[in-house]
Amino acid sequence: MKKFTIEDVAQKAGVSKSTVSQFLNKRYKYMSEATRNRISEVIDELNYQPNGLARGLKRNRTNTVGVVVGDINYSLSIQCIHAIENELQLSGNQVIICNADENPDKETKYIETLIARQVDGLIVFPTGDNPSLYQRLLDERYPLVFLDRVMEGIATQCLLLDNEMAVKTAFKEFIRYGHERIALLTLPVGRYAITPRKERVSGYRKAVEEVGQEWREEYVCSAPRDGMSEALERLLSLPQPPTALLAANDIALAEVLKYANKHDLSIPRDLSVIGIDDAEFATIYNPAITTIRQPAYEMGMQAAKIILAGIEDTGSSVPITYRFTPALQQGNSVQAAPKS
């Protein structure tokens, strides 16, 4: 069977090779609908298959986008990747996914590898410890989008949850049930703590102040995953233990539920619980856990659209931080606070 070329398509459609090339690259700005339809019909009739690699090299494009995930264990990461991949495939782009495990060195190596493979742009959940690397990319006008996190001093497009609003939404729900002793469980908040952790701790402090409650330093529990059980033990052994607990992400929530099962702690009878991040297991647990949902799929889809606009040079050159609104997902893990 003869393999048809772009010249064959152009000749049969009665247009130039350049016009067919513009059509294949989805650049329709100066092309009439009739011309587009005619080219499309000829491509179908001839069963023309363009050489994707050759097209990419000729346009200095590889039709690939690199995604560097901070930690693929988060439900947010999985949902965002799903959305990014779906959205980019619609426009004929492929995705290369790398998991940095919150390790700045791995992050650097992955980015250098992706650049060497000539990806057209990068979507990154940054660890926060590579500012010079990202500044160099921006200086070279390389398409770059940050997801879930921001980096101080790096001016690029960023998409993330309104983390302080998420905490305040949870507080409002606890207050509605009369809770005054509300604790927070989070992963470590150190020098290079990622944006959501820092902002959720900050949001917790502001929420306490806004409702006029007493500040209790011991109610802020920061621990690595394997240390959360001990942190919960200390928290619940206090002379005045909390009656409500906010798990700052899905990992913290999972540890709370494991602790509850192991120690016969009844939720919400013994402790009211809300988790941030819409983890799937929250609805499976009995009782279903009330969560503060972040629109992860929508965030990933928007990140894909922004990186495509940057690659095509049709997006805004002004760096913008997009904040997504959290939503309360009602479960059965909160009940009225016990009377003192």
Protein backbone atom coordinates (compact mmCIF):
# COMPACT_ATOMS: atom_id res chain seq x y z
CA MET A 1 0.00 0.00 0.00
CA LYS A 2 1.35 3.40 -0.99
CA LYS A 3 2.32 5.64 1.92
CA PHE A 4 0.94 9.07 1.16
CA THR A 5 2.90 12.22 1.90
CA ILE A 6 1.97 15.74 2.88
CA GLU A 7 2.49 16.71 -0.77
CA ASP A 8 -0.20 14.20 -1.81
CA VAL A 9 -2.65 15.67 0.71
CA ALA A 10 -1.92 19.23 -0.41
CA GLN A 11 -2.31 18.38 -4.12
CA LYS A 12 -5.58 16.50 -3.68
CA ALA A 13 -7.03 19.20 -1.37
CA GLY A 14 -5.94 21.96 -3.73
CA VAL A 15 -3.92 23.82 -1.10
CA SER A 16 -0.25 24.41 -0.34
CA LYS A 17 1.95 22.16 1.81
CA SER A 18 2.21 25.05 4.25
CA THR A 19 -1.58 25.11 4.68
CA VAL A 20 -1.68 21.37 5.36
CA SER A 21 1.15 21.80 7.85
CA GLN A 22 -0.79 24.57 9.60
CA PHE A 23 -3.82 22.29 9.74
CA LEU A 24 -1.82 19.39 11.23
CA ASN A 25 -0.41 21.72 13.89
CA LYS A 26 -3.93 22.98 14.70
CA ARG A 27 -3.17 26.54 13.67
CA TYR A 28 -6.48 27.58 12.16
CA LYS A 29 -6.34 31.33 12.75
CA TYR A 30 -6.27 32.33 9.08
CA MET A 31 -7.90 29.21 7.65
CA SER A 32 -11.53 29.07 6.53
CA GLU A 33 -13.81 26.34 7.79
CA ALA A 34 -14.27 25.09 4.23
CA THR A 35 -10.51 24.64 3.82
CA ARG A 36 -10.25 22.84 7.13
CA ASN A 37 -13.06 20.49 6.19
CA ARG A 38 -11.54 19.79 2.77
CA ILE A 39 -8.12 18.93 4.23
CA SER A 40 -9.73 16.75 6.90
CA GLU A 41 -11.70 14.83 4.26
CA VAL A 42 -8.60 14.22 2.15
CA ILE A 43 -6.60 13.02 5.16
CA ASP A 44 -9.37 10.55 5.95
CA GLU A 45 -9.69 9.46 2.32
CA LEU A 46 -5.96 8.82 1.92
CA ASN A 47 -5.58 7.53 5.48
CA TYR A 48 -2.62 9.88 5.76
CA GLN A 49 -0.50 9.34 8.90
CA PRO A 50 1.86 12.23 9.65
CA ASN A 51 5.28 11.43 11.04
CA GLY A 52 4.92 12.77 14.58
CA LEU A 53 8.63 12.73 15.41
CA ALA A 54 9.62 14.45 12.18
CA ARG A 55 6.94 17.09 12.69
CA GLY A 56 8.16 17.68 16.22
CA LEU A 57 11.78 18.09 15.19
CA LYS A 58 10.92 20.40 12.31
CA ARG A 59 8.89 22.61 14.65
CA ASN A 60 11.50 22.18 17.39
CA ARG A 61 8.80 20.32 19.33
CA THR A 62 8.65 16.81 20.73
CA ASN A 63 5.00 16.93 21.81
CA THR A 64 5.96 15.77 25.30
CA VAL A 65 5.50 17.46 28.65
CA GLY A 66 7.40 16.53 31.80
CA VAL A 67 5.57 16.25 35.13
CA VAL A 68 7.70 16.15 38.28
CA VAL A 69 5.59 15.09 41.26
CA GLY A 70 6.72 15.93 44.79
CA ASP A 71 5.20 12.76 46.25
CA ILE A 72 3.06 10.42 44.20
CA ASN A 73 1.51 8.94 47.37
CA TYR A 74 -0.84 11.89 47.82
CA SER A 75 -4.36 11.49 46.46
CA LEU A 76 -3.98 15.03 45.08
CA SER A 77 -0.97 13.98 43.00
CA ILE A 78 -2.77 10.99 41.49
CA GLN A 79 -5.86 12.97 40.55
CA CYS A 80 -3.83 15.85 39.11
CA ILE A 81 -1.72 13.49 36.98
CA HIS A 82 -4.85 11.81 35.67
CA ALA A 83 -6.26 15.17 34.60
CA ILE A 84 -2.98 16.40 33.09
CA GLU A 85 -2.54 13.25 31.04
CA ASN A 86 -6.13 13.30 29.77
CA GLU A 87 -6.00 16.97 28.82
CA LEU A 88 -2.63 16.80 27.06
CA GLN A 89 -3.53 13.69 25.08
CA LEU A 90 -6.49 15.57 23.61
CA SER A 91 -3.98 17.85 21.89
CA GLY A 92 -1.65 15.04 20.81
CA ASN A 93 0.89 15.47 23.61
CA GLN A 94 2.44 12.75 25.74
CA VAL A 95 3.42 12.93 29.40
CA ILE A 96 6.59 11.77 31.16
CA ILE A 97 5.94 11.44 34.92
CA CYS A 98 8.72 11.50 37.52
CA ASN A 99 8.34 11.09 41.30
CA ALA A 100 10.84 13.16 43.31
CA ASP A 101 9.83 11.71 46.72
CA GLU A 102 10.19 15.24 48.16
CA ASN A 103 13.93 14.90 47.51
CA PRO A 104 15.50 18.07 46.00
CA ASP A 105 18.40 16.09 44.50
CA LYS A 106 16.05 13.69 42.72
CA GLU A 107 14.00 16.67 41.59
CA THR A 108 17.08 18.31 40.04
CA LYS A 109 18.18 15.12 38.27
CA TYR A 110 14.70 14.50 36.86
CA ILE A 111 14.42 18.04 35.52
CA GLU A 112 17.86 17.86 33.91
CA THR A 113 16.90 14.52 32.34
CA LEU A 114 13.60 15.89 31.02
CA ILE A 115 15.32 18.95 29.57
CA ALA A 116 17.87 16.67 27.88
CA ARG A 117 14.95 14.73 26.38
CA GLN A 118 13.68 18.04 24.98
CA VAL A 119 10.27 18.07 26.63
CA ASP A 120 8.30 21.12 25.49
CA GLY A 121 7.40 22.25 29.00
CA LEU A 122 7.34 21.27 32.67
CA ILE A 123 4.60 20.96 35.27
CA VAL A 124 6.22 20.65 38.69
CA PHE A 125 5.17 20.11 42.31
CA PRO A 126 8.38 21.78 43.59
CA THR A 127 10.19 20.66 46.74
CA GLY A 128 11.13 24.28 47.42
CA ASP A 129 14.90 23.78 47.44
CA ASN A 130 15.89 24.49 43.82
CA PRO A 131 15.22 28.20 43.17
CA SER A 132 18.27 28.78 40.95
CA LEU A 133 17.31 25.88 38.67
CA TYR A 134 13.81 27.25 38.11
CA GLN A 135 15.03 30.81 37.67
CA ARG A 136 17.38 29.61 34.93
CA LEU A 137 14.46 27.96 33.14
CA LEU A 138 12.41 31.15 33.37
CA ASP A 139 15.34 33.24 32.14
CA GLU A 140 15.43 30.99 29.08
CA ARG A 141 11.65 31.47 28.65
CA TYR A 142 11.03 27.77 29.20
CA PRO A 143 7.32 26.92 29.74
CA LEU A 144 6.93 26.15 33.44
CA VAL A 145 3.92 25.70 35.73
CA PHE A 146 3.96 25.02 39.47
CA LEU A 147 1.17 22.90 40.90
CA ASP A 148 0.06 22.69 44.57
CA ARG A 149 3.04 24.81 45.68
CA VAL A 150 4.69 28.19 45.27
CA MET A 151 8.34 29.14 45.59
CA GLU A 152 9.37 32.47 47.02
CA GLY A 153 11.16 34.61 44.46
CA ILE A 154 10.16 32.44 41.48
CA ALA A 155 7.63 34.23 39.30
CA THR A 156 5.76 31.68 37.21
CA GLN A 157 2.21 30.38 36.86
CA CYS A 158 1.13 28.60 40.07
CA LEU A 159 -2.04 26.67 40.87
CA LEU A 160 -2.97 25.57 44.36
CA LEU A 161 -5.72 25.33 46.93
CA ASP A 162 -6.69 28.24 49.15
CA ASN A 163 -5.17 26.37 52.08
CA GLU A 164 -6.04 28.88 54.78
CA MET A 165 -9.66 28.87 53.66
CA ALA A 166 -9.63 25.06 53.85
CA VAL A 167 -8.59 25.16 57.51
CA LYS A 168 -11.10 27.89 58.33
CA THR A 169 -13.86 25.86 56.68
CA ALA A 170 -13.03 22.89 58.91
CA PHE A 171 -12.92 25.14 61.98
CA LYS A 172 -16.32 26.58 61.13
CA GLU A 173 -17.74 23.04 61.04
CA PHE A 174 -16.17 22.15 64.40
CA ILE A 175 -17.41 25.39 65.97
CA ARG A 176 -20.90 24.66 64.67
CA TYR A 177 -20.86 21.55 66.86
CA GLY A 178 -19.58 23.45 69.90
CA HIS A 179 -15.92 22.35 69.89
CA GLU A 180 -13.40 24.60 71.61
CA ARG A 181 -10.45 22.24 71.95
CA ILE A 182 -9.42 21.68 68.32
CA ALA A 183 -6.04 20.16 67.41
CA LEU A 184 -4.09 19.90 64.15
CA LEU A 185 -2.05 16.91 62.90
CA THR A 186 0.41 17.62 60.09
CA LEU A 187 3.57 16.30 58.51
CA PRO A 188 6.77 18.15 59.55
CA VAL A 189 6.91 21.89 59.00
CA GLY A 190 10.59 22.77 58.65
CA ARG A 191 12.76 25.08 56.58
CA TYR A 192 11.79 23.48 53.28
CA ALA A 193 8.24 22.52 54.20
CA ILE A 194 5.98 22.55 51.16
CA THR A 195 3.43 25.31 50.72
CA PRO A 196 0.27 23.42 51.80
CA ARG A 197 1.80 22.42 55.15
CA LYS A 198 2.99 25.94 55.96
CA GLU A 199 -0.25 27.57 54.87
CA ARG A 200 -2.45 25.09 56.73
CA VAL A 201 -0.52 25.67 59.97
CA SER A 202 -0.78 29.41 59.37
CA GLY A 203 -4.50 29.01 58.66
CA TYR A 204 -4.91 27.06 61.90
CA ARG A 205 -3.31 29.86 63.93
CA LYS A 206 -5.51 32.48 62.24
CA ALA A 207 -8.64 30.38 62.76
CA VAL A 208 -7.92 30.06 66.49
CA GLU A 209 -7.44 33.81 66.76
CA GLU A 210 -10.55 34.64 64.74
CA VAL A 211 -12.87 32.55 66.92
CA GLY A 212 -11.26 33.91 70.07
CA GLN A 213 -10.11 30.56 71.43
CA GLU A 214 -7.13 30.02 73.69
CA TRP A 215 -3.91 29.25 71.80
CA ARG A 216 -2.47 25.88 72.82
CA GLU A 217 0.92 25.09 71.33
CA GLU A 218 0.56 21.43 72.34
CA TYR A 219 -2.44 21.11 70.04
CA VAL A 220 -0.25 21.59 66.95
CA CYS A 221 1.19 18.13 66.24
CA SER A 222 3.90 17.98 63.57
CA ALA A 223 5.41 14.58 62.91
CA PRO A 224 6.64 12.33 60.09
CA ARG A 225 4.30 9.59 59.01
CA ASP A 226 5.99 6.91 61.11
CA GLY A 227 5.89 9.19 64.17
CA MET A 228 2.24 10.20 64.01
CA SER A 229 0.99 7.38 66.22
CA GLU A 230 3.27 8.53 69.07
CA ALA A 231 2.26 12.15 68.45
CA LEU A 232 -1.41 11.20 68.72
CA GLU A 233 -0.70 9.25 71.90
CA ARG A 234 0.87 12.33 73.50
CA LEU A 235 -1.90 14.59 72.25
CA LEU A 236 -4.73 12.46 73.58
CA SER A 237 -2.96 11.92 76.91
CA LEU A 238 -2.90 15.64 77.74
CA PRO A 239 -4.76 16.75 80.89
CA GLN A 240 -7.15 18.55 78.57
CA PRO A 241 -7.09 16.53 75.34
CA PRO A 242 -8.74 17.94 72.22
CA THR A 243 -12.31 17.00 71.43
CA ALA A 244 -11.77 17.61 67.70
CA LEU A 245 -8.88 16.94 65.35
CA LEU A 246 -8.10 18.33 61.91
CA ALA A 247 -5.90 16.04 59.79
CA ALA A 248 -3.94 18.37 57.51
CA ASN A 249 -3.79 15.96 54.55
CA ASP A 250 -4.76 12.47 53.46
CA ILE A 251 -1.62 10.88 54.93
CA ALA A 252 -2.34 12.40 58.35
CA LEU A 253 -5.96 11.29 58.11
CA ALA A 254 -4.93 7.72 57.29
CA GLU A 255 -2.69 7.65 60.38
CA VAL A 256 -5.51 8.99 62.56
CA LEU A 257 -7.87 6.25 61.36
CA LYS A 258 -5.23 3.54 61.88
CA TYR A 259 -4.61 4.83 65.40
CA ALA A 260 -8.35 4.89 66.13
CA ASN A 261 -8.77 1.27 65.01
CA LYS A 262 -5.74 0.06 66.95
CA HIS A 263 -6.71 1.82 70.20
CA ASP A 264 -10.50 1.35 70.02
CA LEU A 265 -11.01 5.07 69.69
CA SER A 266 -14.54 5.77 68.51
CA ILE A 267 -15.04 8.48 65.89
CA PRO A 268 -16.87 10.77 66.50
CA ARG A 269 -17.92 9.68 70.01
CA ASP A 270 -14.41 9.99 71.48
CA LEU A 271 -12.96 12.40 68.93
CA SER A 272 -14.51 14.39 66.10
CA VAL A 273 -12.35 14.30 62.95
CA ILE A 274 -12.13 16.26 59.68
CA GLY A 275 -9.52 15.68 56.99
CA ILE A 276 -8.22 18.01 54.29
CA ASP A 277 -7.92 16.39 50.84
CA ASP A 278 -10.71 14.29 49.40
CA ALA A 279 -9.14 10.88 50.02
CA GLU A 280 -11.22 8.02 48.61
CA PHE A 281 -10.84 5.96 51.80
CA ALA A 282 -12.60 8.71 53.79
CA THR A 283 -15.95 7.65 52.36
CA ILE A 284 -15.23 3.94 52.90
CA TYR A 285 -14.41 4.29 56.60
CA ASN A 286 -17.25 3.74 59.05
CA PRO A 287 -18.41 6.36 59.81
CA ALA A 288 -17.69 8.28 56.63
CA ILE A 289 -15.17 11.04 57.37
CA THR A 290 -16.04 14.69 56.78
CA THR A 291 -13.40 16.18 54.49
CA ILE A 292 -12.39 19.48 52.96
CA ARG A 293 -12.15 18.72 49.26
CA GLN A 294 -9.77 20.41 46.90
CA PRO A 295 -10.70 20.22 43.20
CA ALA A 296 -7.61 18.19 42.25
CA TYR A 297 -8.83 17.10 38.81
CA GLU A 298 -9.76 20.67 37.88
CA MET A 299 -6.36 21.88 39.10
CA GLY A 300 -4.54 19.36 36.92
CA MET A 301 -6.70 20.16 33.90
CA GLN A 302 -6.04 23.88 34.28
CA ALA A 303 -2.28 23.26 34.68
CA ALA A 304 -2.29 21.33 31.40
CA LYS A 305 -4.11 24.14 29.60
CA ILE A 306 -1.68 26.74 30.92
CA ILE A 307 1.42 24.75 29.94
CA LEU A 308 -0.02 24.24 26.44
CA ALA A 309 -0.65 27.97 26.13
CA GLY A 310 2.94 28.59 27.23
CA ILE A 311 4.30 26.12 24.70
CA GLU A 312 2.25 27.68 21.91
CA ASP A 313 3.17 31.12 23.23
CA THR A 314 -0.49 32.08 23.47
CA GLY A 315 -0.69 32.39 27.26
CA SER A 316 -0.29 35.35 29.57
CA SER A 317 3.31 36.43 30.14
CA VAL A 318 2.31 37.78 33.56
CA PRO A 319 2.92 35.18 36.32
CA ILE A 320 -0.34 34.48 38.12
CA THR A 321 -1.12 32.43 41.24
CA TYR A 322 -4.48 30.68 40.91
CA ARG A 323 -6.19 29.78 44.19
CA PHE A 324 -8.89 27.11 44.07
CA THR A 325 -11.81 27.16 46.51
CA PRO A 326 -12.14 24.25 48.97
CA ALA A 327 -15.50 22.59 49.62
CA LEU A 328 -16.89 20.81 52.67
CA GLN A 329 -17.76 17.17 51.97
CA GLN A 330 -20.17 16.20 54.70
CA GLY A 331 -19.60 12.89 56.47
CA ASN A 332 -20.52 11.55 59.91
CA SER A 333 -17.25 12.07 61.78
CA VAL A 334 -18.23 15.21 63.71
CA GLN A 335 -20.67 15.35 66.60
CA ALA A 336 -21.53 17.80 69.39
CA ALA A 337 -18.65 18.50 71.76
CA PRO A 338 -18.97 16.83 75.19
CA LYS A 339 -20.15 19.17 77.92
CA SER A 340 -17.43 20.22 80.33
